[in-house]
Structures are given as structure tokens and as C-alpha cells.
PDB file of N, CA and C in Angstrom:
ATOM      1  N   MET A   1       3.354   8.651 -28.496  1.00  0.00           N
ATOM      2  CA  MET A   1       4.303   8.473 -27.403  1.00  0.00           C
ATOM      3  C   MET A   1       5.730   8.586 -27.928  1.00  0.00           C
ATOM      4  N   ALA A   2       6.602   8.887 -27.016  1.00  0.00           N
ATOM      5  CA  ALA A   2       8.004   9.031 -27.384  1.00  0.00           C
ATOM      6  C   ALA A   2       8.617   7.655 -27.657  1.00  0.00           C
ATOM      7  N   ASP A   3       9.667   7.652 -28.439  1.00  0.00           N
ATOM      8  CA  ASP A   3      10.374   6.406 -28.720  1.00  0.00           C
ATOM      9  C   ASP A   3      10.973   5.857 -27.429  1.00  0.00           C
ATOM     10  N   ASN A   4      10.960   4.539 -27.298  1.00  0.00           N
ATOM     11  CA  ASN A   4      11.546   3.840 -26.156  1.00  0.00           C
ATOM     12  C   ASN A   4      10.872   4.179 -24.834  1.00  0.00           C
ATOM     13  N   PHE A   5       9.634   4.622 -24.869  1.00  0.00           N
ATOM     14  CA  PHE A   5       8.913   4.981 -23.643  1.00  0.00           C
ATOM     15  C   PHE A   5       8.819   3.781 -22.696  1.00  0.00           C
ATOM     16  N   LEU A   6       8.344   2.653 -23.216  1.00  0.00           N
ATOM     17  CA  LEU A   6       8.175   1.472 -22.375  1.00  0.00           C
ATOM     18  C   LEU A   6       9.513   0.926 -21.889  1.00  0.00           C
ATOM     19  N   GLU A   7      10.499   0.927 -22.761  1.00  0.00           N
ATOM     20  CA  GLU A   7      11.814   0.430 -22.378  1.00  0.00           C
ATOM     21  C   GLU A   7      12.417   1.280 -21.265  1.00  0.00           C
ATOM     22  N   ARG A   8      12.251   2.591 -21.373  1.00  0.00           N
ATOM     23  CA  ARG A   8      12.806   3.493 -20.358  1.00  0.00           C
ATOM     24  C   ARG A   8      12.105   3.287 -19.010  1.00  0.00           C
ATOM     25  N   HIS A   9      10.783   3.147 -19.048  1.00  0.00           N
ATOM     26  CA  HIS A   9      10.047   2.926 -17.806  1.00  0.00           C
ATOM     27  C   HIS A   9      10.381   1.572 -17.195  1.00  0.00           C
ATOM     28  N   ARG A  10      10.556   0.577 -18.032  1.00  0.00           N
ATOM     29  CA  ARG A  10      10.930  -0.760 -17.531  1.00  0.00           C
ATOM     30  C   ARG A  10      12.307  -0.711 -16.872  1.00  0.00           C
ATOM     31  N   ARG A  11      13.242  -0.016 -17.503  1.00  0.00           N
ATOM     32  CA  ARG A  11      14.590   0.111 -16.945  1.00  0.00           C
ATOM     33  C   ARG A  11      14.551   0.838 -15.603  1.00  0.00           C
ATOM     34  N   ASP A  12      13.781   1.910 -15.516  1.00  0.00           N
ATOM     35  CA  ASP A  12      13.651   2.656 -14.263  1.00  0.00           C
ATOM     36  C   ASP A  12      13.030   1.788 -13.176  1.00  0.00           C
ATOM     37  N   TYR A  13      12.024   1.023 -13.559  1.00  0.00           N
ATOM     38  CA  TYR A  13      11.372   0.110 -12.606  1.00  0.00           C
ATOM     39  C   TYR A  13      12.367  -0.915 -12.079  1.00  0.00           C
ATOM     40  N   GLU A  14      13.138  -1.515 -12.964  1.00  0.00           N
ATOM     41  CA  GLU A  14      14.114  -2.527 -12.551  1.00  0.00           C
ATOM     42  C   GLU A  14      15.157  -1.927 -11.611  1.00  0.00           C
ATOM     43  N   GLU A  15      15.586  -0.697 -11.860  1.00  0.00           N
ATOM     44  CA  GLU A  15      16.554  -0.039 -10.977  1.00  0.00           C
ATOM     45  C   GLU A  15      15.961   0.200  -9.600  1.00  0.00           C
ATOM     46  N   ARG A  16      14.712   0.674  -9.554  1.00  0.00           N
ATOM     47  CA  ARG A  16      14.055   0.893  -8.257  1.00  0.00           C
ATOM     48  C   ARG A  16      13.877  -0.420  -7.512  1.00  0.00           C
ATOM     49  N   LYS A  17      13.544  -1.466  -8.238  1.00  0.00           N
ATOM     50  CA  LYS A  17      13.349  -2.780  -7.631  1.00  0.00           C
ATOM     51  C   LYS A  17      14.656  -3.302  -7.039  1.00  0.00           C
ATOM     52  N   MET A  18      15.750  -3.169  -7.769  1.00  0.00           N
ATOM     53  CA  MET A  18      17.047  -3.622  -7.262  1.00  0.00           C
ATOM     54  C   MET A  18      17.435  -2.860  -5.997  1.00  0.00           C
ATOM     55  N   THR A  19      17.202  -1.553  -5.993  1.00  0.00           N
ATOM     56  CA  THR A  19      17.517  -0.737  -4.822  1.00  0.00           C
ATOM     57  C   THR A  19      16.686  -1.190  -3.631  1.00  0.00           C
ATOM     58  N   TRP A  20      15.411  -1.424  -3.852  1.00  0.00           N
ATOM     59  CA  TRP A  20      14.517  -1.864  -2.785  1.00  0.00           C
ATOM     60  C   TRP A  20      14.955  -3.216  -2.237  1.00  0.00           C
ATOM     61  N   LEU A  21      15.316  -4.147  -3.122  1.00  0.00           N
ATOM     62  CA  LEU A  21      15.730  -5.477  -2.676  1.00  0.00           C
ATOM     63  C   LEU A  21      17.027  -5.403  -1.874  1.00  0.00           C
ATOM     64  N   ARG A  22      17.955  -4.543  -2.287  1.00  0.00           N
ATOM     65  CA  ARG A  22      19.199  -4.389  -1.534  1.00  0.00           C
ATOM     66  C   ARG A  22      18.914  -3.872  -0.127  1.00  0.00           C
ATOM     67  N   LYS A  23      18.031  -2.895  -0.005  1.00  0.00           N
ATOM     68  CA  LYS A  23      17.683  -2.354   1.315  1.00  0.00           C
ATOM     69  C   LYS A  23      16.978  -3.413   2.150  1.00  0.00           C
ATOM     70  N   LYS A  24      16.103  -4.173   1.522  1.00  0.00           N
ATOM     71  CA  LYS A  24      15.328  -5.193   2.223  1.00  0.00           C
ATOM     72  C   LYS A  24      16.235  -6.250   2.831  1.00  0.00           C
ATOM     73  N   LYS A  25      17.289  -6.628   2.150  1.00  0.00           N
ATOM     74  CA  LYS A  25      18.192  -7.664   2.634  1.00  0.00           C
ATOM     75  C   LYS A  25      18.926  -7.244   3.894  1.00  0.00           C
ATOM     76  N   HIS A  26      19.077  -5.951   4.130  1.00  0.00           N
ATOM     77  CA  HIS A  26      19.815  -5.467   5.291  1.00  0.00           C
ATOM     78  C   HIS A  26      18.929  -5.251   6.509  1.00  0.00           C
ATOM     79  N   LEU A  27      17.619  -5.411   6.353  1.00  0.00           N
ATOM     80  CA  LEU A  27      16.727  -5.243   7.486  1.00  0.00           C
ATOM     81  C   LEU A  27      16.794  -6.471   8.390  1.00  0.00           C
ATOM     82  N   PRO A  28      16.648  -6.271   9.696  1.00  0.00           N
ATOM     83  CA  PRO A  28      16.646  -7.437  10.593  1.00  0.00           C
ATOM     84  C   PRO A  28      15.410  -8.288  10.344  1.00  0.00           C
ATOM     85  N   LYS A  29      15.595  -9.584  10.460  1.00  0.00           N
ATOM     86  CA  LYS A  29      14.475 -10.491  10.242  1.00  0.00           C
ATOM     87  C   LYS A  29      13.579 -10.479  11.468  1.00  0.00           C
ATOM     88  N   LYS A  30      12.274 -10.524  11.244  1.00  0.00           N
ATOM     89  CA  LYS A  30      11.332 -10.545  12.355  1.00  0.00           C
ATOM     90  C   LYS A  30      11.251 -11.957  12.902  1.00  0.00           C
ATOM     91  N   ASN A  31      11.102 -12.032  14.207  1.00  0.00           N
ATOM     92  CA  ASN A  31      11.032 -13.319  14.866  1.00  0.00           C
ATOM     93  C   ASN A  31       9.624 -13.891  14.721  1.00  0.00           C
ATOM     94  N   LEU A  32       9.498 -15.065  14.162  1.00  0.00           N
ATOM     95  CA  LEU A  32       8.195 -15.684  13.944  1.00  0.00           C
ATOM     96  C   LEU A  32       7.581 -16.170  15.247  1.00  0.00           C
ATOM     97  N   HIS A  33       8.384 -16.342  16.285  1.00  0.00           N
ATOM     98  CA  HIS A  33       7.893 -16.833  17.566  1.00  0.00           C
ATOM     99  C   HIS A  33       6.841 -15.884  18.145  1.00  0.00           C
ATOM    100  N   HIS A  34       7.041 -14.586  17.980  1.00  0.00           N
ATOM    101  CA  HIS A  34       6.088 -13.615  18.502  1.00  0.00           C
ATOM    102  C   HIS A  34       4.736 -13.727  17.799  1.00  0.00           C
ATOM    103  N   ILE A  35       4.752 -14.011  16.540  1.00  0.00           N
ATOM    104  CA  ILE A  35       3.512 -14.164  15.784  1.00  0.00           C
ATOM    105  C   ILE A  35       2.749 -15.386  16.295  1.00  0.00           C
ATOM    106  N   GLU A  36       3.471 -16.472  16.566  1.00  0.00           N
ATOM    107  CA  GLU A  36       2.826 -17.681  17.062  1.00  0.00           C
ATOM    108  C   GLU A  36       2.204 -17.435  18.437  1.00  0.00           C
ATOM    109  N   LYS A  37       2.894 -16.679  19.306  1.00  0.00           N
ATOM    110  CA  LYS A  37       2.362 -16.374  20.621  1.00  0.00           C
ATOM    111  C   LYS A  37       1.072 -15.580  20.525  1.00  0.00           C
ATOM    112  N   ASP A  38       1.045 -14.597  19.618  1.00  0.00           N
ATOM    113  CA  ASP A  38      -0.153 -13.795  19.448  1.00  0.00           C
ATOM    114  C   ASP A  38      -1.332 -14.672  19.004  1.00  0.00           C
ATOM    115  N   ASN A  39      -1.088 -15.625  18.168  1.00  0.00           N
ATOM    116  CA  ASN A  39      -2.153 -16.496  17.682  1.00  0.00           C
ATOM    117  C   ASN A  39      -2.676 -17.409  18.795  1.00  0.00           C
ATOM    118  N   GLU A  40      -1.818 -17.793  19.751  1.00  0.00           N
ATOM    119  CA  GLU A  40      -2.242 -18.656  20.844  1.00  0.00           C
ATOM    120  C   GLU A  40      -3.254 -17.945  21.730  1.00  0.00           C
ATOM    121  N   TYR A  41      -3.044 -16.648  21.955  1.00  0.00           N
ATOM    122  CA  TYR A  41      -3.939 -15.916  22.826  1.00  0.00           C
ATOM    123  C   TYR A  41      -5.307 -15.682  22.172  1.00  0.00           C
ATOM    124  N   ASP A  42      -5.339 -15.616  20.849  1.00  0.00           N
ATOM    125  CA  ASP A  42      -6.597 -15.401  20.149  1.00  0.00           C
ATOM    126  C   ASP A  42      -7.509 -16.614  20.222  1.00  0.00           C
ATOM    127  N   SER A  43      -6.919 -17.793  20.357  1.00  0.00           N
ATOM    128  CA  SER A  43      -7.718 -19.031  20.332  1.00  0.00           C
ATOM    129  C   SER A  43      -8.554 -19.207  21.569  1.00  0.00           C
TER     130      SER A  43
END
């Protein structure tokens, strides 16, 4: 294997993870009330 193979892949992974987390924080939060309503009808 090439030198620094694992380090390079780890660095790339961390960059992708940071990008994903930044995008995730800007998404609207889902309302938990709708989930509870769905569960009431199943009972």
C-alpha cells in the first residue's frame, strides 16, 4: 500500500462527515407530534 493510505482516507472521511453535519444542521426539524398521532391510530 501507499504511504499514508489510512491517514489520507481518514482525513477524507472526516471532511465528508463535517460537510454532512453542516448540511444536517440547516434542515428543518421534523415535528414529533405527527409521529405520536400515527402511533395512536395503530393501537
